[in-house]
Amino acid sequence: MKQVLSLLLLLTILFSCEKETKPIIEEKTEPAETDVSNEWINLFDGVSTKGWRAYNGDELPPGWIVKDSVLTFDTELGLEQDYTGGKDIIYGVEEFDNFELYVEWKIPEGGNSGIFYHLKEGIPEAGPPDISPEYQLIDDANYASIHDLTSYNKSMGVKENLADLQDWQKTGSDYAMHPADDSQKILYPVGEWNTTRIIFTPEKVEHWLNGKKLLSFVPWSDEWQAKKNAGKWKNADLYGSFKTGYIGFQDHSSPIWFRNIKIKKL
């Protein structure tokens, strides 16, 4: 009899616990809404040039093609003689304000290019470098031995080592504004892929190369304005002034390769 009573008591306790815990087990919660500002937007599908066109143009300039799933500037195709426009290109689908941009790229020996952002069109007598900040892409190791920089550096007020690539001209720099930190730089040899990240917010801009932060600055600050007024862009009234604009790539008469181009709105 005692065994039966004990069994009944045990069953009563188990039933009571199940009854109390059942509502918790069955409780359902709605899935969290997706934060669209944290999603990557692919700017290049690896198959076509969809979304890309000439700066101030309707189509891509000659030379820009997709080859082996890479957005490429082919200099031989770019020598087409009946084309008179510039060969810088933009992703013309939309403009971006605050963002994180990720790009993989490589250049040849002596190569030179750049990444523009907040780029605006339709401005008379002003090209992309006069309007947009530029993340510099260049062959740090060999450019100066292939190209004569003396006259250009002299025009920029350089007093020493006129034949050398200056710190503000090197890969990862905010061109002619903020030099990249060479002590943090990992730059792979020509012909090998590098990764670039540009982070832009009104509080801070960061340039990254191969996982290392090379520089940061506060846009439109007093320090930023002083640099602008003292250097190459002192007479470029619109330089860096726009808070939204297009992403662009620079043609600098050398081959260039881009892939895995994506952006995240911040």
Protein backbone atom coordinates (compact mmCIF):
# COMPACT_ATOMS: atom_id res chain seq x y z
CA MET A 1 0.00 0.00 0.00
CA LYS A 2 2.83 2.36 0.87
CA GLN A 3 4.40 1.71 -2.53
CA VAL A 4 1.14 2.61 -4.30
CA LEU A 5 0.78 5.83 -2.31
CA SER A 6 4.38 6.76 -3.07
CA LEU A 7 3.85 6.16 -6.77
CA LEU A 8 0.68 8.26 -6.78
CA LEU A 9 2.51 11.07 -4.98
CA LEU A 10 5.38 10.97 -7.46
CA LEU A 11 2.99 11.11 -10.42
CA THR A 12 1.15 14.05 -8.85
CA ILE A 13 4.42 15.98 -8.44
CA LEU A 14 5.52 15.27 -12.02
CA PHE A 15 2.13 16.29 -13.40
CA SER A 16 2.21 19.49 -11.36
CA CYS A 17 5.72 20.40 -12.66
CA GLU A 18 4.73 19.73 -16.26
CA LYS A 19 1.65 21.88 -15.87
CA GLU A 20 3.64 24.76 -14.42
CA THR A 21 6.43 24.67 -16.98
CA LYS A 22 4.37 24.01 -20.12
CA PRO A 23 3.49 27.68 -20.84
CA ILE A 24 7.20 28.60 -20.77
CA ILE A 25 8.12 25.82 -23.16
CA GLU A 26 5.40 26.74 -25.65
CA GLU A 27 6.02 30.50 -25.50
CA LYS A 28 6.99 31.90 -28.91
CA THR A 29 8.85 35.12 -29.71
CA GLU A 30 8.85 37.05 -32.97
CA PRO A 31 12.16 36.96 -34.88
CA ALA A 32 14.20 40.16 -34.65
CA GLU A 33 13.86 42.48 -37.62
CA THR A 34 16.82 42.49 -39.99
CA ASP A 35 19.03 45.55 -39.58
CA VAL A 36 19.29 46.62 -43.21
CA SER A 37 22.01 49.11 -42.33
CA ASN A 38 24.25 46.18 -41.42
CA GLU A 39 23.89 44.34 -44.74
CA TRP A 40 26.55 44.28 -47.41
CA ILE A 41 25.54 45.54 -50.84
CA ASN A 42 27.48 44.00 -53.71
CA LEU A 43 28.58 46.64 -56.20
CA PHE A 44 30.01 44.10 -58.63
CA ASP A 45 28.47 40.72 -59.48
CA GLY A 46 31.60 39.21 -60.98
CA VAL A 47 29.83 38.61 -64.28
CA SER A 48 28.80 41.95 -65.75
CA THR A 49 29.53 45.66 -65.42
CA LYS A 50 25.95 46.29 -64.31
CA GLY A 51 25.70 49.54 -62.35
CA TRP A 52 29.04 50.90 -63.53
CA ARG A 53 29.46 53.74 -66.02
CA ALA A 54 31.74 56.59 -66.91
CA TYR A 55 31.94 59.57 -64.61
CA ASN A 56 29.65 62.12 -66.28
CA GLY A 57 28.75 59.49 -68.86
CA ASP A 58 26.07 56.95 -69.71
CA GLU A 59 28.26 53.95 -70.58
CA LEU A 60 31.57 52.50 -69.54
CA PRO A 61 34.62 54.00 -71.25
CA PRO A 62 36.59 51.65 -73.52
CA GLY A 63 39.02 49.50 -71.61
CA TRP A 64 36.80 48.68 -68.64
CA ILE A 65 35.71 45.04 -68.94
CA VAL A 66 34.96 41.95 -66.87
CA LYS A 67 37.63 39.29 -67.31
CA ASP A 68 37.93 36.14 -65.19
CA SER A 69 35.28 37.52 -62.79
CA VAL A 70 37.36 40.67 -62.24
CA LEU A 71 36.50 44.28 -63.09
CA THR A 72 39.51 45.21 -65.20
CA PHE A 73 40.94 48.23 -66.94
CA ASP A 74 42.66 46.93 -70.06
CA THR A 75 44.99 49.64 -71.34
CA GLU A 76 45.15 48.22 -74.86
CA LEU A 77 41.37 48.38 -75.22
CA GLY A 78 41.43 51.80 -73.56
CA LEU A 79 43.54 53.26 -76.37
CA GLU A 80 40.51 53.50 -78.66
CA GLN A 81 41.00 56.79 -80.52
CA ASP A 82 37.42 57.96 -81.07
CA TYR A 83 36.69 58.27 -77.35
CA THR A 84 37.30 61.74 -75.96
CA GLY A 85 35.83 61.53 -72.46
CA GLY A 86 37.53 60.67 -69.21
CA LYS A 87 37.97 57.06 -68.19
CA ASP A 88 37.28 57.27 -64.47
CA ILE A 89 34.20 55.22 -63.58
CA ILE A 90 31.51 55.26 -60.88
CA TYR A 91 28.94 52.92 -59.46
CA GLY A 92 26.02 54.98 -60.66
CA VAL A 93 23.08 53.15 -59.09
CA GLU A 94 23.03 55.25 -55.91
CA GLU A 95 24.97 57.67 -53.78
CA PHE A 96 26.25 56.82 -50.30
CA ASP A 97 26.84 58.96 -47.24
CA ASN A 98 28.14 57.00 -44.22
CA PHE A 99 29.56 53.63 -45.18
CA GLU A 100 32.11 50.86 -44.92
CA LEU A 101 33.56 49.97 -48.33
CA TYR A 102 35.45 46.74 -48.98
CA VAL A 103 37.47 46.20 -52.18
CA GLU A 104 40.08 43.70 -53.33
CA TRP A 105 42.55 45.00 -55.93
CA LYS A 106 45.90 44.51 -57.59
CA ILE A 107 48.10 46.59 -59.88
CA PRO A 108 51.04 45.94 -62.19
CA GLU A 109 54.59 47.21 -61.84
CA GLY A 110 54.49 51.00 -61.99
CA GLY A 111 50.69 50.97 -61.65
CA ASN A 112 48.60 53.81 -60.29
CA SER A 113 44.90 54.19 -59.49
CA GLY A 114 42.60 55.29 -56.70
CA ILE A 115 39.23 54.89 -55.02
CA PHE A 116 36.90 57.90 -54.85
CA TYR A 117 33.92 58.46 -52.58
CA HIS A 118 31.33 61.23 -52.14
CA LEU A 119 31.94 61.96 -55.81
CA LYS A 120 29.53 64.35 -57.58
CA GLU A 121 28.92 64.81 -61.29
CA GLY A 122 28.12 67.76 -63.53
CA ILE A 123 30.57 70.22 -62.01
CA PRO A 124 32.22 72.36 -64.71
CA GLU A 125 36.02 72.40 -64.90
CA ALA A 126 36.40 69.96 -62.01
CA GLY A 127 37.46 66.34 -62.30
CA PRO A 128 37.03 63.63 -59.67
CA PRO A 129 40.29 64.45 -57.78
CA ASP A 130 39.14 68.07 -57.36
CA ILE A 131 35.90 66.90 -55.75
CA SER A 132 36.40 63.59 -54.05
CA PRO A 133 38.80 62.35 -51.41
CA GLU A 134 40.93 59.53 -52.81
CA TYR A 135 42.24 56.34 -51.26
CA GLN A 136 45.52 56.05 -53.14
CA LEU A 137 46.48 52.83 -54.97
CA ILE A 138 50.00 52.79 -56.37
CA ASP A 139 53.09 50.62 -56.74
CA ASP A 140 55.02 52.00 -53.76
CA ALA A 141 58.12 49.96 -54.55
CA ASN A 142 58.64 50.74 -58.23
CA TYR A 143 56.62 53.77 -59.28
CA ALA A 144 59.33 56.39 -58.77
CA SER A 145 61.93 54.35 -60.66
CA ILE A 146 59.62 54.13 -63.69
CA HIS A 147 58.02 57.59 -63.65
CA ASP A 148 59.76 60.94 -63.26
CA LEU A 149 58.15 62.69 -60.29
CA THR A 150 60.55 65.62 -60.06
CA SER A 151 58.48 68.28 -61.80
CA TYR A 152 55.27 67.24 -60.11
CA ASN A 153 56.81 67.17 -56.65
CA LYS A 154 58.42 70.53 -57.23
CA SER A 155 55.02 71.98 -58.19
CA MET A 156 53.67 70.61 -54.91
CA GLY A 157 56.29 72.47 -52.90
CA VAL A 158 58.46 69.47 -52.11
CA LYS A 159 62.00 70.63 -51.27
CA GLU A 160 63.91 67.38 -50.82
CA ASN A 161 64.03 64.00 -52.53
CA LEU A 162 62.09 65.33 -55.49
CA ALA A 163 62.41 62.10 -57.44
CA ASP A 164 60.87 60.00 -54.66
CA LEU A 165 57.30 58.99 -54.01
CA GLN A 166 56.21 61.15 -51.08
CA ASP A 167 54.44 59.71 -48.03
CA TRP A 168 51.12 61.34 -49.01
CA GLN A 169 51.37 59.75 -52.47
CA LYS A 170 51.72 56.18 -51.25
CA THR A 171 49.16 53.39 -51.14
CA GLY A 172 46.50 53.78 -48.48
CA SER A 173 46.99 57.52 -48.10
CA ASP A 174 44.17 60.01 -48.27
CA TYR A 175 45.85 61.44 -51.35
CA ALA A 176 47.63 64.77 -50.77
CA MET A 177 46.00 65.07 -47.34
CA HIS A 178 46.71 62.34 -44.80
CA PRO A 179 49.68 59.99 -45.32
CA ALA A 180 49.42 56.30 -44.54
CA ASP A 181 51.33 55.01 -41.53
CA ASP A 182 54.17 53.02 -43.10
CA SER A 183 54.86 51.26 -39.80
CA GLN A 184 51.44 49.59 -40.03
CA LYS A 185 51.45 48.92 -43.75
CA ILE A 186 51.34 45.47 -45.27
CA LEU A 187 51.40 45.91 -49.05
CA TYR A 188 51.68 42.80 -51.16
CA PRO A 189 53.92 42.84 -54.25
CA VAL A 190 52.60 43.89 -57.64
CA GLY A 191 50.37 41.29 -59.22
CA GLU A 192 49.09 40.04 -55.86
CA TRP A 193 45.69 40.83 -54.35
CA ASN A 194 45.33 43.41 -51.59
CA THR A 195 42.26 44.26 -49.50
CA THR A 196 41.10 47.78 -48.75
CA ARG A 197 38.52 49.03 -46.29
CA ILE A 198 37.32 52.63 -46.10
CA ILE A 199 35.08 53.58 -43.19
CA PHE A 200 33.39 56.95 -43.35
CA THR A 201 31.31 58.64 -40.66
CA PRO A 202 31.12 62.34 -39.75
CA GLU A 203 33.03 61.49 -36.56
CA LYS A 204 35.93 59.60 -38.14
CA VAL A 205 37.32 58.34 -41.43
CA GLU A 206 39.57 55.27 -41.47
CA HIS A 207 41.74 53.75 -44.21
CA TRP A 208 42.65 50.07 -43.85
CA LEU A 209 44.96 47.88 -45.92
CA ASN A 210 45.25 44.10 -45.57
CA GLY A 211 43.78 44.14 -42.08
CA LYS A 212 45.84 47.06 -40.74
CA LYS A 213 44.55 50.57 -40.03
CA LEU A 214 46.79 53.07 -41.80
CA LEU A 215 45.19 56.38 -40.85
CA SER A 216 42.19 58.10 -39.34
CA PHE A 217 40.97 61.68 -39.38
CA VAL A 218 37.90 63.75 -38.61
CA PRO A 219 36.33 65.09 -41.80
CA TRP A 220 35.59 68.82 -42.03
CA SER A 221 37.32 69.51 -38.71
CA ASP A 222 39.57 72.53 -38.18
CA GLU A 223 42.60 70.29 -38.68
CA TRP A 224 41.14 68.87 -41.89
CA GLN A 225 40.37 72.38 -43.18
CA ALA A 226 43.89 73.58 -42.39
CA LYS A 227 45.41 70.68 -44.34
CA LYS A 228 43.18 71.38 -47.30
CA ASN A 229 44.00 75.08 -47.35
CA ALA A 230 47.74 74.49 -47.09
CA GLY A 231 48.17 71.86 -49.79
CA LYS A 232 47.19 70.65 -53.23
CA TRP A 233 43.47 71.33 -52.76
CA LYS A 234 43.69 74.91 -51.47
CA ASN A 235 42.11 76.25 -54.68
CA ALA A 236 39.67 73.36 -55.12
CA ASP A 237 36.70 74.91 -53.37
CA LEU A 238 34.52 71.80 -53.59
CA TYR A 239 37.14 69.26 -52.58
CA GLY A 240 35.80 66.92 -49.90
CA SER A 241 32.81 69.16 -49.26
CA PHE A 242 30.02 66.74 -50.18
CA LYS A 243 28.48 64.54 -47.52
CA THR A 244 27.06 62.05 -50.01
CA GLY A 245 28.07 60.91 -53.46
CA TYR A 246 29.19 58.08 -55.74
CA ILE A 247 31.90 55.47 -55.29
CA GLY A 248 34.41 55.66 -58.15
CA PHE A 249 37.61 54.14 -59.51
CA GLN A 250 40.37 56.11 -61.16
CA ASP A 251 41.92 55.44 -64.54
CA HIS A 252 45.56 56.49 -64.43
CA SER A 253 46.68 54.96 -67.73
CA SER A 254 47.74 51.68 -66.17
CA PRO A 255 46.04 48.31 -65.84
CA ILE A 256 44.03 47.78 -62.67
CA TRP A 257 41.98 44.88 -61.31
CA PHE A 258 39.09 44.98 -58.80
CA ARG A 259 36.93 42.24 -57.31
CA ASN A 260 34.67 41.57 -54.30
CA ILE A 261 33.46 45.16 -54.25
CA LYS A 262 30.85 45.67 -51.55
CA ILE A 263 29.55 48.39 -49.27
CA LYS A 264 27.70 48.56 -45.97
CA LYS A 265 25.60 51.58 -45.03
CA LEU A 266 26.38 52.93 -41.56
